[in-house]
Amino acid sequence: MIPASRKLALGFCCEPLEESGYTWSHTTILGDLLFTAERKYGARDKSWTILGIEICGLHPQIWYPRSSEGARFVSVMLSDAARMNPQQAVFQLAHEVIHLLAPVGRRGSGLVIEEGLATANSRAESINRQLYMTPQGEDYLRAESLLGEFLSLHPDGIRRLREITPSFKDFSPDLICSTCEGTPLALAAELCKPFARGNE
């Protein structure tokens, strides 16, 4: 039996417009966020099929249905807190959309540079879409700060890196320093460490 808290969710319905088309829903907003992310940071890995959006648990994440059977499916899972809060849902989508650019096929966090970009993207979209939300969590904010240092030196650095190595998981300090000259090796090394989320 489905818990009552999961029977309804705001943001998934749309209405027809008089002229043409429909109002925005979480599904079309996800598409818009993905379109924007690809323009800024390079094309997504289209060998993965994005299935859609689900709601479950304490933390937003992406997951991979039937990955043990070789399927290349990826789904965005929003937290229960986003169920009746459309602003929270869009804020979470803005973070998770970065992970849709280069899925890895297994649960768990990637590198600091990817998590920093996801955090920075959620902050930017919160401002753009007037969501009035800010990223939380010391580890996420530190990752965002390190990414900010890198982007201050190379504003197009993520796109340049992904043109050479599309998957964040394959980034290395050597790749960063050779592709984006002038990046301090210590900064590149921090960006390429596995991201570890603290207890929340």
C-alpha atoms as a PDB file:
ATOM      1  CA  MET A   1       0.000   0.000   0.000  1.00  0.00           C
ATOM      2  CA  ILE A   2       1.324   3.456  -0.948  1.00  0.00           C
ATOM      3  CA  PRO A   3       1.775   5.791   2.043  1.00  0.00           C
ATOM      4  CA  ALA A   4      -0.634   8.730   2.022  1.00  0.00           C
ATOM      5  CA  SER A   5       2.302  11.127   1.842  1.00  0.00           C
ATOM      6  CA  ARG A   6       3.217   9.767  -1.588  1.00  0.00           C
ATOM      7  CA  LYS A   7      -0.234   9.690  -3.168  1.00  0.00           C
ATOM      8  CA  LEU A   8      -0.119  13.288  -4.352  1.00  0.00           C
ATOM      9  CA  ALA A   9       2.676  15.487  -5.650  1.00  0.00           C
ATOM     10  CA  LEU A  10       2.576  19.068  -6.889  1.00  0.00           C
ATOM     11  CA  GLY A  11       4.281  20.128 -10.074  1.00  0.00           C
ATOM     12  CA  PHE A  12       3.568  17.175 -12.335  1.00  0.00           C
ATOM     13  CA  CYS A  13       0.359  18.487 -13.905  1.00  0.00           C
ATOM     14  CA  CYS A  14       0.198  20.992 -16.742  1.00  0.00           C
ATOM     15  CA  GLU A  15      -2.586  22.987 -18.377  1.00  0.00           C
ATOM     16  CA  PRO A  16      -3.175  23.742 -22.057  1.00  0.00           C
ATOM     17  CA  LEU A  17      -2.505  27.314 -23.121  1.00  0.00           C
ATOM     18  CA  GLU A  18      -4.934  29.242 -25.308  1.00  0.00           C
ATOM     19  CA  GLU A  19      -2.351  30.009 -27.990  1.00  0.00           C
ATOM     20  CA  SER A  20      -0.522  26.668 -28.157  1.00  0.00           C
ATOM     21  CA  GLY A  21       1.404  24.278 -25.949  1.00  0.00           C
ATOM     22  CA  TYR A  22       1.110  23.768 -22.218  1.00  0.00           C
ATOM     23  CA  THR A  23       2.240  25.251 -18.933  1.00  0.00           C
ATOM     24  CA  TRP A  24       5.488  24.041 -17.363  1.00  0.00           C
ATOM     25  CA  SER A  25       5.641  20.870 -15.263  1.00  0.00           C
ATOM     26  CA  HIS A  26       8.571  19.226 -13.487  1.00  0.00           C
ATOM     27  CA  THR A  27       9.085  17.056 -16.561  1.00  0.00           C
ATOM     28  CA  THR A  28       9.434  19.965 -18.982  1.00  0.00           C
ATOM     29  CA  ILE A  29      11.471  21.967 -16.459  1.00  0.00           C
ATOM     30  CA  LEU A  30      13.900  19.033 -16.275  1.00  0.00           C
ATOM     31  CA  GLY A  31      14.187  19.215 -20.060  1.00  0.00           C
ATOM     32  CA  ASP A  32      14.833  22.954 -19.902  1.00  0.00           C
ATOM     33  CA  LEU A  33      17.470  22.521 -17.195  1.00  0.00           C
ATOM     34  CA  LEU A  34      19.169  19.780 -19.216  1.00  0.00           C
ATOM     35  CA  PHE A  35      19.130  21.910 -22.372  1.00  0.00           C
ATOM     36  CA  THR A  36      20.768  24.782 -20.493  1.00  0.00           C
ATOM     37  CA  ALA A  37      23.356  22.522 -18.825  1.00  0.00           C
ATOM     38  CA  GLU A  38      24.353  21.009 -22.172  1.00  0.00           C
ATOM     39  CA  ARG A  39      24.799  24.435 -23.721  1.00  0.00           C
ATOM     40  CA  LYS A  40      27.041  25.530 -20.859  1.00  0.00           C
ATOM     41  CA  TYR A  41      28.974  22.353 -20.074  1.00  0.00           C
ATOM     42  CA  GLY A  42      28.813  20.151 -23.154  1.00  0.00           C
ATOM     43  CA  ALA A  43      26.530  17.443 -24.494  1.00  0.00           C
ATOM     44  CA  ARG A  44      25.205  14.659 -22.306  1.00  0.00           C
ATOM     45  CA  ASP A  45      26.052  11.011 -22.883  1.00  0.00           C
ATOM     46  CA  LYS A  46      23.113   9.986 -25.070  1.00  0.00           C
ATOM     47  CA  SER A  47      23.809   6.280 -24.639  1.00  0.00           C
ATOM     48  CA  TRP A  48      21.789   6.642 -21.410  1.00  0.00           C
ATOM     49  CA  THR A  49      17.992   6.857 -21.474  1.00  0.00           C
ATOM     50  CA  ILE A  50      16.540   9.340 -18.983  1.00  0.00           C
ATOM     51  CA  LEU A  51      13.341   7.714 -17.720  1.00  0.00           C
ATOM     52  CA  GLY A  52      11.872  10.578 -15.709  1.00  0.00           C
ATOM     53  CA  ILE A  53      11.308  11.742 -12.148  1.00  0.00           C
ATOM     54  CA  GLU A  54      10.369   9.827  -9.000  1.00  0.00           C
ATOM     55  CA  ILE A  55       9.940  10.754  -5.332  1.00  0.00           C
ATOM     56  CA  CYS A  56      11.364   8.732  -2.463  1.00  0.00           C
ATOM     57  CA  GLY A  57      13.537   9.131   0.609  1.00  0.00           C
ATOM     58  CA  LEU A  58      15.428  11.835   2.436  1.00  0.00           C
ATOM     59  CA  HIS A  59      17.889  12.874  -0.269  1.00  0.00           C
ATOM     60  CA  PRO A  60      17.607  13.551  -3.998  1.00  0.00           C
ATOM     61  CA  GLN A  61      19.745  11.322  -6.195  1.00  0.00           C
ATOM     62  CA  ILE A  62      19.891   9.587  -9.527  1.00  0.00           C
ATOM     63  CA  TRP A  63      19.590   5.831  -9.787  1.00  0.00           C
ATOM     64  CA  TYR A  64      19.911   3.144 -12.395  1.00  0.00           C
ATOM     65  CA  PRO A  65      17.020   0.687 -12.779  1.00  0.00           C
ATOM     66  CA  ARG A  66      18.068  -2.745 -14.094  1.00  0.00           C
ATOM     67  CA  SER A  67      21.737  -1.705 -14.145  1.00  0.00           C
ATOM     68  CA  SER A  68      22.692  -5.212 -12.972  1.00  0.00           C
ATOM     69  CA  GLU A  69      21.177  -6.504 -16.214  1.00  0.00           C
ATOM     70  CA  GLY A  70      23.135  -4.090 -18.384  1.00  0.00           C
ATOM     71  CA  ALA A  71      20.349  -1.568 -18.971  1.00  0.00           C
ATOM     72  CA  ARG A  72      21.451   2.030 -19.494  1.00  0.00           C
ATOM     73  CA  PHE A  73      18.484   3.673 -17.769  1.00  0.00           C
ATOM     74  CA  VAL A  74      18.758   6.591 -15.379  1.00  0.00           C
ATOM     75  CA  SER A  75      16.029   8.125 -13.236  1.00  0.00           C
ATOM     76  CA  VAL A  76      15.963  11.306 -11.152  1.00  0.00           C
ATOM     77  CA  MET A  77      14.752  10.659  -7.626  1.00  0.00           C
ATOM     78  CA  LEU A  78      13.584  13.693  -5.641  1.00  0.00           C
ATOM     79  CA  SER A  79      13.237  13.683  -1.868  1.00  0.00           C
ATOM     80  CA  ASP A  80       9.942  13.310  -0.035  1.00  0.00           C
ATOM     81  CA  ALA A  81      10.348  16.946   1.055  1.00  0.00           C
ATOM     82  CA  ALA A  82       9.899  18.015  -2.582  1.00  0.00           C
ATOM     83  CA  ARG A  83       6.583  16.205  -2.989  1.00  0.00           C
ATOM     84  CA  MET A  84       4.380  19.195  -2.129  1.00  0.00           C
ATOM     85  CA  ASN A  85       6.997  21.906  -2.611  1.00  0.00           C
ATOM     86  CA  PRO A  86       7.499  22.702  -6.316  1.00  0.00           C
ATOM     87  CA  GLN A  87      10.292  25.174  -5.589  1.00  0.00           C
ATOM     88  CA  GLN A  88      12.215  22.519  -3.661  1.00  0.00           C
ATOM     89  CA  ALA A  89      11.640  20.044  -6.476  1.00  0.00           C
ATOM     90  CA  VAL A  90      13.049  22.390  -9.118  1.00  0.00           C
ATOM     91  CA  PHE A  91      15.984  23.249  -6.851  1.00  0.00           C
ATOM     92  CA  GLN A  92      16.777  19.545  -6.517  1.00  0.00           C
ATOM     93  CA  LEU A  93      16.356  18.985 -10.260  1.00  0.00           C
ATOM     94  CA  ALA A  94      18.858  21.775 -10.939  1.00  0.00           C
ATOM     95  CA  HIS A  95      21.425  19.842  -8.907  1.00  0.00           C
ATOM     96  CA  GLU A  96      20.699  16.370 -10.236  1.00  0.00           C
ATOM     97  CA  VAL A  97      20.641  17.464 -13.882  1.00  0.00           C
ATOM     98  CA  ILE A  98      24.429  17.825 -13.803  1.00  0.00           C
ATOM     99  CA  HIS A  99      24.693  14.131 -12.950  1.00  0.00           C
ATOM    100  CA  LEU A 100      22.642  13.361 -16.071  1.00  0.00           C
ATOM    101  CA  LEU A 101      25.395  14.748 -18.304  1.00  0.00           C
ATOM    102  CA  ALA A 102      27.642  11.742 -17.722  1.00  0.00           C
ATOM    103  CA  PRO A 103      25.955   8.954 -15.724  1.00  0.00           C
ATOM    104  CA  VAL A 104      28.250   6.322 -14.246  1.00  0.00           C
ATOM    105  CA  GLY A 105      25.829   3.412 -13.817  1.00  0.00           C
ATOM    106  CA  ARG A 106      26.178   2.931 -10.097  1.00  0.00           C
ATOM    107  CA  ARG A 107      25.036   4.643  -6.938  1.00  0.00           C
ATOM    108  CA  GLY A 108      27.406   6.817  -4.954  1.00  0.00           C
ATOM    109  CA  SER A 109      29.056  10.178  -5.307  1.00  0.00           C
ATOM    110  CA  GLY A 110      31.516  11.090  -8.004  1.00  0.00           C
ATOM    111  CA  LEU A 111      34.379  13.552  -7.871  1.00  0.00           C
ATOM    112  CA  VAL A 112      34.436  16.866  -6.045  1.00  0.00           C
ATOM    113  CA  ILE A 113      34.419  18.765  -9.347  1.00  0.00           C
ATOM    114  CA  GLU A 114      31.114  17.201 -10.442  1.00  0.00           C
ATOM    115  CA  GLU A 115      29.430  17.708  -7.075  1.00  0.00           C
ATOM    116  CA  GLY A 116      30.707  21.279  -6.950  1.00  0.00           C
ATOM    117  CA  LEU A 117      29.257  21.945 -10.391  1.00  0.00           C
ATOM    118  CA  ALA A 118      25.916  20.414  -9.399  1.00  0.00           C
ATOM    119  CA  THR A 119      25.819  22.589  -6.283  1.00  0.00           C
ATOM    120  CA  ALA A 120      26.768  25.717  -8.211  1.00  0.00           C
ATOM    121  CA  ASN A 121      24.141  24.939 -10.847  1.00  0.00           C
ATOM    122  CA  SER A 122      21.399  24.615  -8.223  1.00  0.00           C
ATOM    123  CA  ARG A 123      22.438  27.981  -6.764  1.00  0.00           C
ATOM    124  CA  ALA A 124      22.442  29.671 -10.183  1.00  0.00           C
ATOM    125  CA  GLU A 125      19.069  28.231 -11.167  1.00  0.00           C
ATOM    126  CA  SER A 126      17.603  29.210  -7.792  1.00  0.00           C
ATOM    127  CA  ILE A 127      18.519  32.795  -8.614  1.00  0.00           C
ATOM    128  CA  ASN A 128      17.385  32.569 -12.243  1.00  0.00           C
ATOM    129  CA  ARG A 129      14.031  31.002 -11.335  1.00  0.00           C
ATOM    130  CA  GLN A 130      13.499  32.971  -8.099  1.00  0.00           C
ATOM    131  CA  LEU A 131      13.273  29.846  -5.946  1.00  0.00           C
ATOM    132  CA  TYR A 132      14.800  31.620  -2.915  1.00  0.00           C
ATOM    133  CA  MET A 133      16.785  28.542  -1.886  1.00  0.00           C
ATOM    134  CA  THR A 134      20.482  28.075  -1.236  1.00  0.00           C
ATOM    135  CA  PRO A 135      22.634  24.949  -1.142  1.00  0.00           C
ATOM    136  CA  GLN A 136      23.301  23.452   2.279  1.00  0.00           C
ATOM    137  CA  GLY A 137      25.905  21.094   3.700  1.00  0.00           C
ATOM    138  CA  GLU A 138      29.529  21.875   4.453  1.00  0.00           C
ATOM    139  CA  ASP A 139      30.881  19.303   1.999  1.00  0.00           C
ATOM    140  CA  TYR A 140      28.728  20.596  -0.865  1.00  0.00           C
ATOM    141  CA  LEU A 141      29.679  24.205  -0.152  1.00  0.00           C
ATOM    142  CA  ARG A 142      33.365  23.321  -0.038  1.00  0.00           C
ATOM    143  CA  ALA A 143      33.077  21.520  -3.381  1.00  0.00           C
ATOM    144  CA  GLU A 144      31.280  24.539  -4.828  1.00  0.00           C
ATOM    145  CA  SER A 145      33.996  26.862  -3.507  1.00  0.00           C
ATOM    146  CA  LEU A 146      36.770  24.774  -5.071  1.00  0.00           C
ATOM    147  CA  LEU A 147      34.910  24.733  -8.373  1.00  0.00           C
ATOM    148  CA  GLY A 148      34.510  28.506  -8.131  1.00  0.00           C
ATOM    149  CA  GLU A 149      38.290  28.891  -7.796  1.00  0.00           C
ATOM    150  CA  PHE A 150      38.750  26.836 -10.939  1.00  0.00           C
ATOM    151  CA  LEU A 151      36.072  28.665 -12.937  1.00  0.00           C
ATOM    152  CA  SER A 152      37.501  32.042 -11.923  1.00  0.00           C
ATOM    153  CA  LEU A 153      40.638  30.998 -13.819  1.00  0.00           C
ATOM    154  CA  HIS A 154      38.877  29.170 -16.648  1.00  0.00           C
ATOM    155  CA  PRO A 155      35.178  30.126 -17.066  1.00  0.00           C
ATOM    156  CA  ASP A 156      34.808  27.606 -19.909  1.00  0.00           C
ATOM    157  CA  GLY A 157      36.938  24.975 -18.179  1.00  0.00           C
ATOM    158  CA  ILE A 158      34.226  22.347 -17.699  1.00  0.00           C
ATOM    159  CA  ARG A 159      33.233  22.416 -21.354  1.00  0.00           C
ATOM    160  CA  ARG A 160      36.877  22.233 -22.451  1.00  0.00           C
ATOM    161  CA  LEU A 161      37.568  19.269 -20.167  1.00  0.00           C
ATOM    162  CA  ARG A 162      34.447  17.408 -21.283  1.00  0.00           C
ATOM    163  CA  GLU A 163      35.341  17.897 -24.942  1.00  0.00           C
ATOM    164  CA  ILE A 164      38.415  15.765 -24.221  1.00  0.00           C
ATOM    165  CA  THR A 165      37.042  13.475 -21.514  1.00  0.00           C
ATOM    166  CA  PRO A 166      33.212  13.563 -21.400  1.00  0.00           C
ATOM    167  CA  SER A 167      32.801  11.720 -18.104  1.00  0.00           C
ATOM    168  CA  PHE A 168      33.574  13.549 -14.864  1.00  0.00           C
ATOM    169  CA  LYS A 169      34.709  10.277 -13.280  1.00  0.00           C
ATOM    170  CA  ASP A 170      37.661  10.184 -15.690  1.00  0.00           C
ATOM    171  CA  PHE A 171      38.945  13.651 -14.819  1.00  0.00           C
ATOM    172  CA  SER A 172      42.458  13.744 -13.354  1.00  0.00           C
ATOM    173  CA  PRO A 173      44.771  16.474 -12.047  1.00  0.00           C
ATOM    174  CA  ASP A 174      46.999  15.989 -15.092  1.00  0.00           C
ATOM    175  CA  LEU A 175      44.050  16.415 -17.453  1.00  0.00           C
ATOM    176  CA  ILE A 176      42.944  19.604 -15.713  1.00  0.00           C
ATOM    177  CA  CYS A 177      46.419  21.137 -15.627  1.00  0.00           C
ATOM    178  CA  SER A 178      47.249  20.258 -19.237  1.00  0.00           C
ATOM    179  CA  THR A 179      43.880  21.359 -20.626  1.00  0.00           C
ATOM    180  CA  CYS A 180      43.466  24.457 -18.498  1.00  0.00           C
ATOM    181  CA  GLU A 181      46.993  25.817 -18.150  1.00  0.00           C
ATOM    182  CA  GLY A 182      47.696  27.828 -15.052  1.00  0.00           C
ATOM    183  CA  THR A 183      45.468  25.749 -12.792  1.00  0.00           C
ATOM    184  CA  PRO A 184      47.396  25.067  -9.573  1.00  0.00           C
ATOM    185  CA  LEU A 185      48.154  21.371  -9.213  1.00  0.00           C
ATOM    186  CA  ALA A 186      46.920  21.416  -5.609  1.00  0.00           C
ATOM    187  CA  LEU A 187      43.534  22.775  -6.740  1.00  0.00           C
ATOM    188  CA  ALA A 188      43.285  20.205  -9.535  1.00  0.00           C
ATOM    189  CA  ALA A 189      44.071  17.446  -7.062  1.00  0.00           C
ATOM    190  CA  GLU A 190      41.340  18.602  -4.683  1.00  0.00           C
ATOM    191  CA  LEU A 191      38.806  18.745  -7.508  1.00  0.00           C
ATOM    192  CA  CYS A 192      39.600  15.172  -8.514  1.00  0.00           C
ATOM    193  CA  LYS A 193      39.161  13.646  -5.078  1.00  0.00           C
ATOM    194  CA  PRO A 194      36.098  11.445  -4.495  1.00  0.00           C
ATOM    195  CA  PHE A 195      33.298  13.502  -2.986  1.00  0.00           C
ATOM    196  CA  ALA A 196      32.294  12.369   0.478  1.00  0.00           C
ATOM    197  CA  ARG A 197      28.970  13.579   1.836  1.00  0.00           C
ATOM    198  CA  GLY A 198      28.917  14.100   5.588  1.00  0.00           C
ATOM    199  CA  ASN A 199      26.046  13.012   7.770  1.00  0.00           C
ATOM    200  CA  GLU A 200      23.027  15.268   7.302  1.00  0.00           C
END
